[in-house]
Amino acid sequence: MTIPENIHPNFQNMITRKGKESLLNQHGLVVWLYGLSGSGKSTLATALEQCLYDEQIFTQVLDGDNIRSGLNSNLSFSDDDRLENIRRISEVAKLFVRAGVVTIASFICPRNELRAMARKIIGKKDFFEVYVECDFETCKQRDVKGLYAKAKTGKVKQFTGMDSSFEAPQPRDLADLILNTNTQTESESLKQLFQAVRPRVSSEKQ
């Protein structure tokens, strides 16, 4: 995407990221959680936020449903609009992380190309990719939002895992962390996630 000639970005006169991180006494990071609906993304995102808050780490959660009810309320679930959804939220996450905020994103983000785009926009160093792995049948049984039942009756179109595909990370080690919520309890997954994130945002790292 090219910048129009009449747009002149101005970053050089603003307070630096280092200055903002020093003020907050932490390092910015985007924790990008993704997986099927019902896999536990939102639950883990809010639980991680609470754990970091208890450690006096300043955070912002960007949740898929919240974003689609506001910023991205004009987007559908077509392939093009899914891409635009992730592009916009990646740009928002980049703004937060450059302000020193630990940003926890929770989106289905069903395709490898979408995650690659998010990583490119945000920057590899600031992007911590977490695949919340859970098989379709388990998510369907949980159906915490009633979406699988609605999709089965045709009330929800382009539903991920049914009439819209979901791609696991390929290769698997593209993900920085894989949490299998089929085999782990919520507390086990949270502990693993927190232990991976906490050292990356600690002010003692540098």
C-alpha atoms as a PDB file:
ATOM      1  CA  MET A   1       0.000   0.000   0.000  1.00  0.00           C
ATOM      2  CA  THR A   2       1.483   3.322  -1.092  1.00  0.00           C
ATOM      3  CA  ILE A   3       1.108   6.529   0.927  1.00  0.00           C
ATOM      4  CA  PRO A   4      -0.662   9.372  -0.950  1.00  0.00           C
ATOM      5  CA  GLU A   5       1.540  12.358  -1.775  1.00  0.00           C
ATOM      6  CA  ASN A   6      -0.452  14.666   0.515  1.00  0.00           C
ATOM      7  CA  ILE A   7       0.157  12.457   3.606  1.00  0.00           C
ATOM      8  CA  HIS A   8       3.283  13.278   5.617  1.00  0.00           C
ATOM      9  CA  PRO A   9       3.810  10.947   8.613  1.00  0.00           C
ATOM     10  CA  ASN A  10       5.533  12.644  11.550  1.00  0.00           C
ATOM     11  CA  PHE A  11       7.180  10.378  14.090  1.00  0.00           C
ATOM     12  CA  GLN A  12      10.540  12.027  14.669  1.00  0.00           C
ATOM     13  CA  ASN A  13       9.224  14.716  17.056  1.00  0.00           C
ATOM     14  CA  MET A  14       7.240  12.327  19.250  1.00  0.00           C
ATOM     15  CA  ILE A  15       8.332  10.780  22.531  1.00  0.00           C
ATOM     16  CA  THR A  16      10.223   7.596  21.736  1.00  0.00           C
ATOM     17  CA  ARG A  17       9.100   4.081  22.464  1.00  0.00           C
ATOM     18  CA  LYS A  18      12.049   3.689  24.832  1.00  0.00           C
ATOM     19  CA  GLY A  19      10.871   6.725  26.770  1.00  0.00           C
ATOM     20  CA  LYS A  20       7.341   5.362  27.081  1.00  0.00           C
ATOM     21  CA  GLU A  21       8.548   1.918  28.119  1.00  0.00           C
ATOM     22  CA  SER A  22      10.741   3.560  30.746  1.00  0.00           C
ATOM     23  CA  LEU A  23       7.712   5.443  32.072  1.00  0.00           C
ATOM     24  CA  LEU A  24       5.701   2.210  32.270  1.00  0.00           C
ATOM     25  CA  ASN A  25       8.675   0.170  33.536  1.00  0.00           C
ATOM     26  CA  GLN A  26       7.994  -2.608  31.044  1.00  0.00           C
ATOM     27  CA  HIS A  27       8.529  -3.666  27.423  1.00  0.00           C
ATOM     28  CA  GLY A  28       5.780  -3.657  24.816  1.00  0.00           C
ATOM     29  CA  LEU A  29       4.760  -6.947  23.202  1.00  0.00           C
ATOM     30  CA  VAL A  30       1.854  -8.251  21.133  1.00  0.00           C
ATOM     31  CA  VAL A  31       0.631 -11.643  22.361  1.00  0.00           C
ATOM     32  CA  TRP A  32      -1.342 -12.963  19.388  1.00  0.00           C
ATOM     33  CA  LEU A  33      -3.725 -15.758  20.471  1.00  0.00           C
ATOM     34  CA  TYR A  34      -5.640 -17.575  17.732  1.00  0.00           C
ATOM     35  CA  GLY A  35      -7.677 -20.738  17.275  1.00  0.00           C
ATOM     36  CA  LEU A  36     -11.179 -22.030  16.658  1.00  0.00           C
ATOM     37  CA  SER A  37     -14.227 -20.515  18.331  1.00  0.00           C
ATOM     38  CA  GLY A  38     -14.511 -22.194  21.725  1.00  0.00           C
ATOM     39  CA  SER A  39     -10.829 -23.143  21.942  1.00  0.00           C
ATOM     40  CA  GLY A  40     -10.298 -20.873  24.957  1.00  0.00           C
ATOM     41  CA  LYS A  41      -8.645 -17.808  23.397  1.00  0.00           C
ATOM     42  CA  SER A  42     -10.751 -15.136  25.100  1.00  0.00           C
ATOM     43  CA  THR A  43     -10.673 -16.949  28.440  1.00  0.00           C
ATOM     44  CA  LEU A  44      -6.880 -17.161  28.331  1.00  0.00           C
ATOM     45  CA  ALA A  45      -6.548 -13.552  27.115  1.00  0.00           C
ATOM     46  CA  THR A  46      -8.537 -12.117  30.029  1.00  0.00           C
ATOM     47  CA  ALA A  47      -6.855 -14.441  32.529  1.00  0.00           C
ATOM     48  CA  LEU A  48      -3.410 -13.444  31.250  1.00  0.00           C
ATOM     49  CA  GLU A  49      -4.374  -9.786  31.526  1.00  0.00           C
ATOM     50  CA  GLN A  50      -5.322 -10.307  35.181  1.00  0.00           C
ATOM     51  CA  CYS A  51      -2.042 -12.102  35.921  1.00  0.00           C
ATOM     52  CA  LEU A  52      -0.019  -9.310  34.323  1.00  0.00           C
ATOM     53  CA  TYR A  53      -2.109  -6.657  36.084  1.00  0.00           C
ATOM     54  CA  ASP A  54      -1.288  -8.349  39.381  1.00  0.00           C
ATOM     55  CA  GLU A  55       2.389  -7.934  38.410  1.00  0.00           C
ATOM     56  CA  GLN A  56       1.765  -4.215  37.653  1.00  0.00           C
ATOM     57  CA  ILE A  57       2.134  -4.715  33.904  1.00  0.00           C
ATOM     58  CA  PHE A  58       0.011  -2.322  31.822  1.00  0.00           C
ATOM     59  CA  THR A  59      -1.999  -4.193  29.180  1.00  0.00           C
ATOM     60  CA  GLN A  60      -4.727  -3.864  26.570  1.00  0.00           C
ATOM     61  CA  VAL A  61      -6.861  -6.776  25.368  1.00  0.00           C
ATOM     62  CA  LEU A  62      -8.068  -6.686  21.756  1.00  0.00           C
ATOM     63  CA  ASP A  63     -10.860  -9.247  21.471  1.00  0.00           C
ATOM     64  CA  GLY A  64     -12.404 -10.315  18.182  1.00  0.00           C
ATOM     65  CA  ASP A  65     -16.056  -9.793  19.148  1.00  0.00           C
ATOM     66  CA  ASN A  66     -15.315  -6.442  20.806  1.00  0.00           C
ATOM     67  CA  ILE A  67     -13.464  -5.164  17.750  1.00  0.00           C
ATOM     68  CA  ARG A  68     -16.183  -6.348  15.374  1.00  0.00           C
ATOM     69  CA  SER A  69     -18.814  -4.538  17.450  1.00  0.00           C
ATOM     70  CA  GLY A  70     -16.986  -1.219  17.010  1.00  0.00           C
ATOM     71  CA  LEU A  71     -13.949  -0.516  14.853  1.00  0.00           C
ATOM     72  CA  ASN A  72     -14.696  -3.309  12.375  1.00  0.00           C
ATOM     73  CA  SER A  73     -18.495  -3.407  12.583  1.00  0.00           C
ATOM     74  CA  ASN A  74     -18.715  -2.768   8.826  1.00  0.00           C
ATOM     75  CA  LEU A  75     -16.871  -5.982   7.924  1.00  0.00           C
ATOM     76  CA  SER A  76     -18.355  -9.364   7.029  1.00  0.00           C
ATOM     77  CA  PHE A  77     -16.708 -12.788   7.314  1.00  0.00           C
ATOM     78  CA  SER A  78     -15.751 -13.062   3.659  1.00  0.00           C
ATOM     79  CA  ASP A  79     -12.098 -13.816   2.898  1.00  0.00           C
ATOM     80  CA  ASP A  80     -11.451 -10.206   1.882  1.00  0.00           C
ATOM     81  CA  ASP A  81     -13.099  -8.790   4.986  1.00  0.00           C
ATOM     82  CA  ARG A  82     -11.321 -11.250   7.272  1.00  0.00           C
ATOM     83  CA  LEU A  83      -8.065  -9.975   5.798  1.00  0.00           C
ATOM     84  CA  GLU A  84      -9.092  -6.355   6.357  1.00  0.00           C
ATOM     85  CA  ASN A  85     -10.194  -7.198   9.900  1.00  0.00           C
ATOM     86  CA  ILE A  86      -6.744  -8.566  10.730  1.00  0.00           C
ATOM     87  CA  ARG A  87      -4.955  -5.749   8.879  1.00  0.00           C
ATOM     88  CA  ARG A  88      -6.757  -3.075  10.883  1.00  0.00           C
ATOM     89  CA  ILE A  89      -6.262  -4.752  14.235  1.00  0.00           C
ATOM     90  CA  SER A  90      -2.587  -5.361  13.445  1.00  0.00           C
ATOM     91  CA  GLU A  91      -2.139  -1.634  12.844  1.00  0.00           C
ATOM     92  CA  VAL A  92      -3.910  -0.892  16.141  1.00  0.00           C
ATOM     93  CA  ALA A  93      -1.756  -3.435  17.974  1.00  0.00           C
ATOM     94  CA  LYS A  94       1.363  -1.861  16.470  1.00  0.00           C
ATOM     95  CA  LEU A  95       0.356   1.530  17.875  1.00  0.00           C
ATOM     96  CA  PHE A  96      -0.150   0.049  21.340  1.00  0.00           C
ATOM     97  CA  VAL A  97       3.094  -1.918  21.381  1.00  0.00           C
ATOM     98  CA  ARG A  98       5.103   1.114  20.276  1.00  0.00           C
ATOM     99  CA  ALA A  99       3.613   2.947  23.258  1.00  0.00           C
ATOM    100  CA  GLY A 100       5.061   0.239  25.501  1.00  0.00           C
ATOM    101  CA  VAL A 101       1.753  -1.512  26.139  1.00  0.00           C
ATOM    102  CA  VAL A 102       1.557  -5.305  26.398  1.00  0.00           C
ATOM    103  CA  THR A 103      -1.200  -5.997  23.886  1.00  0.00           C
ATOM    104  CA  ILE A 104      -3.142  -9.267  24.049  1.00  0.00           C
ATOM    105  CA  ALA A 105      -4.975 -10.031  20.812  1.00  0.00           C
ATOM    106  CA  SER A 106      -7.600 -12.782  20.646  1.00  0.00           C
ATOM    107  CA  PHE A 107      -8.857 -13.625  17.147  1.00  0.00           C
ATOM    108  CA  ILE A 108      -9.769 -16.759  15.208  1.00  0.00           C
ATOM    109  CA  CYS A 109      -7.317 -15.584  12.505  1.00  0.00           C
ATOM    110  CA  PRO A 110      -7.903 -18.764  10.499  1.00  0.00           C
ATOM    111  CA  ARG A 111      -5.243 -18.670   7.791  1.00  0.00           C
ATOM    112  CA  ASN A 112      -1.449 -18.714   7.802  1.00  0.00           C
ATOM    113  CA  GLU A 113      -1.346 -15.763   5.406  1.00  0.00           C
ATOM    114  CA  LEU A 114      -3.326 -13.638   7.881  1.00  0.00           C
ATOM    115  CA  ARG A 115      -0.906 -14.404  10.705  1.00  0.00           C
ATOM    116  CA  ALA A 116       2.042 -13.698   8.402  1.00  0.00           C
ATOM    117  CA  MET A 117       0.536 -10.326   7.528  1.00  0.00           C
ATOM    118  CA  ALA A 118      -0.015  -9.483  11.201  1.00  0.00           C
ATOM    119  CA  ARG A 119       3.574 -10.471  12.017  1.00  0.00           C
ATOM    120  CA  LYS A 120       4.891  -8.308   9.186  1.00  0.00           C
ATOM    121  CA  ILE A 121       2.832  -5.241  10.194  1.00  0.00           C
ATOM    122  CA  ILE A 122       3.629  -5.486  13.899  1.00  0.00           C
ATOM    123  CA  GLY A 123       7.223  -6.636  13.476  1.00  0.00           C
ATOM    124  CA  LYS A 124       8.650 -10.071  14.225  1.00  0.00           C
ATOM    125  CA  LYS A 125      10.444  -8.932  17.389  1.00  0.00           C
ATOM    126  CA  ASP A 126       7.200  -7.610  18.906  1.00  0.00           C
ATOM    127  CA  PHE A 127       4.979 -10.506  17.786  1.00  0.00           C
ATOM    128  CA  PHE A 128       4.510 -13.503  20.102  1.00  0.00           C
ATOM    129  CA  GLU A 129       2.329 -16.038  18.291  1.00  0.00           C
ATOM    130  CA  VAL A 130       0.242 -18.394  20.425  1.00  0.00           C
ATOM    131  CA  TYR A 131      -1.829 -21.141  18.806  1.00  0.00           C
ATOM    132  CA  VAL A 132      -4.662 -22.218  21.096  1.00  0.00           C
ATOM    133  CA  GLU A 133      -5.124 -25.720  19.746  1.00  0.00           C
ATOM    134  CA  CYS A 134      -8.400 -27.544  20.236  1.00  0.00           C
ATOM    135  CA  ASP A 135     -10.115 -29.952  17.851  1.00  0.00           C
ATOM    136  CA  PHE A 136     -13.363 -29.058  16.136  1.00  0.00           C
ATOM    137  CA  GLU A 137     -15.476 -31.643  17.949  1.00  0.00           C
ATOM    138  CA  THR A 138     -14.379 -30.459  21.392  1.00  0.00           C
ATOM    139  CA  CYS A 139     -15.072 -26.825  20.478  1.00  0.00           C
ATOM    140  CA  LYS A 140     -18.448 -27.876  19.078  1.00  0.00           C
ATOM    141  CA  GLN A 141     -19.332 -29.666  22.316  1.00  0.00           C
ATOM    142  CA  ARG A 142     -18.366 -26.629  24.382  1.00  0.00           C
ATOM    143  CA  ASP A 143     -20.205 -24.181  22.090  1.00  0.00           C
ATOM    144  CA  VAL A 144     -19.776 -21.461  24.722  1.00  0.00           C
ATOM    145  CA  LYS A 145     -21.415 -18.792  22.536  1.00  0.00           C
ATOM    146  CA  GLY A 146     -24.025 -21.019  20.883  1.00  0.00           C
ATOM    147  CA  LEU A 147     -22.423 -20.366  17.500  1.00  0.00           C
ATOM    148  CA  TYR A 148     -21.976 -23.984  16.435  1.00  0.00           C
ATOM    149  CA  ALA A 149     -25.684 -24.651  16.953  1.00  0.00           C
ATOM    150  CA  LYS A 150     -26.592 -21.535  14.954  1.00  0.00           C
ATOM    151  CA  ALA A 151     -24.163 -22.459  12.184  1.00  0.00           C
ATOM    152  CA  LYS A 152     -25.677 -25.937  11.943  1.00  0.00           C
ATOM    153  CA  THR A 153     -29.120 -24.425  11.294  1.00  0.00           C
ATOM    154  CA  GLY A 154     -27.740 -21.888   8.833  1.00  0.00           C
ATOM    155  CA  LYS A 155     -28.181 -18.853  11.100  1.00  0.00           C
ATOM    156  CA  VAL A 156     -24.432 -18.150  11.026  1.00  0.00           C
ATOM    157  CA  LYS A 157     -22.779 -18.084   7.622  1.00  0.00           C
ATOM    158  CA  GLN A 158     -19.099 -18.651   6.730  1.00  0.00           C
ATOM    159  CA  PHE A 159     -18.476 -20.225  10.125  1.00  0.00           C
ATOM    160  CA  THR A 160     -14.848 -21.221  10.694  1.00  0.00           C
ATOM    161  CA  GLY A 161     -14.364 -24.967  10.832  1.00  0.00           C
ATOM    162  CA  MET A 162     -17.615 -25.739   8.991  1.00  0.00           C
ATOM    163  CA  ASP A 163     -18.059 -23.813   5.743  1.00  0.00           C
ATOM    164  CA  SER A 164     -14.909 -21.727   6.170  1.00  0.00           C
ATOM    165  CA  SER A 165     -11.584 -23.459   6.723  1.00  0.00           C
ATOM    166  CA  PHE A 166      -9.104 -23.091   9.577  1.00  0.00           C
ATOM    167  CA  GLU A 167      -5.374 -23.659   9.053  1.00  0.00           C
ATOM    168  CA  ALA A 168      -3.124 -24.761  11.884  1.00  0.00           C
ATOM    169  CA  PRO A 169       0.327 -23.116  11.841  1.00  0.00           C
ATOM    170  CA  GLN A 170       2.405 -24.558   9.033  1.00  0.00           C
ATOM    171  CA  PRO A 171       5.089 -25.403   9.892  1.00  0.00           C
ATOM    172  CA  ARG A 172       4.015 -25.844  13.517  1.00  0.00           C
ATOM    173  CA  ASP A 173       7.106 -24.101  14.857  1.00  0.00           C
ATOM    174  CA  LEU A 174       5.885 -20.862  13.251  1.00  0.00           C
ATOM    175  CA  ALA A 175       3.937 -20.503  16.486  1.00  0.00           C
ATOM    176  CA  ASP A 176       6.073 -19.361  19.411  1.00  0.00           C
ATOM    177  CA  LEU A 177       3.833 -21.313  21.767  1.00  0.00           C
ATOM    178  CA  ILE A 178       1.145 -23.983  21.301  1.00  0.00           C
ATOM    179  CA  LEU A 179      -1.402 -24.476  24.063  1.00  0.00           C
ATOM    180  CA  ASN A 180      -3.474 -27.628  23.659  1.00  0.00           C
ATOM    181  CA  THR A 181      -6.710 -26.989  25.507  1.00  0.00           C
ATOM    182  CA  ASN A 182      -7.927 -30.497  24.666  1.00  0.00           C
ATOM    183  CA  THR A 183      -5.372 -31.998  27.020  1.00  0.00           C
ATOM    184  CA  GLN A 184      -4.570 -29.124  29.387  1.00  0.00           C
ATOM    185  CA  THR A 185      -6.739 -27.523  32.023  1.00  0.00           C
ATOM    186  CA  GLU A 186      -7.304 -23.770  31.869  1.00  0.00           C
ATOM    187  CA  SER A 187      -4.929 -23.238  34.790  1.00  0.00           C
ATOM    188  CA  GLU A 188      -2.219 -25.357  33.136  1.00  0.00           C
ATOM    189  CA  SER A 189      -2.506 -23.423  29.866  1.00  0.00           C
ATOM    190  CA  LEU A 190      -2.527 -20.101  31.697  1.00  0.00           C
ATOM    191  CA  LYS A 191       0.562 -21.004  33.702  1.00  0.00           C
ATOM    192  CA  GLN A 192       2.436 -21.980  30.534  1.00  0.00           C
ATOM    193  CA  LEU A 193       1.327 -18.777  28.775  1.00  0.00           C
ATOM    194  CA  PHE A 194       2.201 -16.504  31.693  1.00  0.00           C
ATOM    195  CA  GLN A 195       5.629 -18.084  32.142  1.00  0.00           C
ATOM    196  CA  ALA A 196       6.360 -17.496  28.444  1.00  0.00           C
ATOM    197  CA  VAL A 197       5.149 -13.884  28.370  1.00  0.00           C
ATOM    198  CA  ARG A 198       6.333 -12.491  31.712  1.00  0.00           C
ATOM    199  CA  PRO A 199      10.108 -12.543  31.001  1.00  0.00           C
ATOM    200  CA  ARG A 200       9.537 -10.911  27.601  1.00  0.00           C
ATOM    201  CA  VAL A 201       7.830  -7.850  29.079  1.00  0.00           C
ATOM    202  CA  SER A 202       9.908  -7.468  32.227  1.00  0.00           C
ATOM    203  CA  SER A 203      11.831  -4.219  32.590  1.00  0.00           C
ATOM    204  CA  GLU A 204      14.722  -6.305  33.947  1.00  0.00           C
ATOM    205  CA  LYS A 205      15.315  -7.782  30.473  1.00  0.00           C
ATOM    206  CA  GLN A 206      17.541  -4.885  29.374  1.00  0.00           C
END
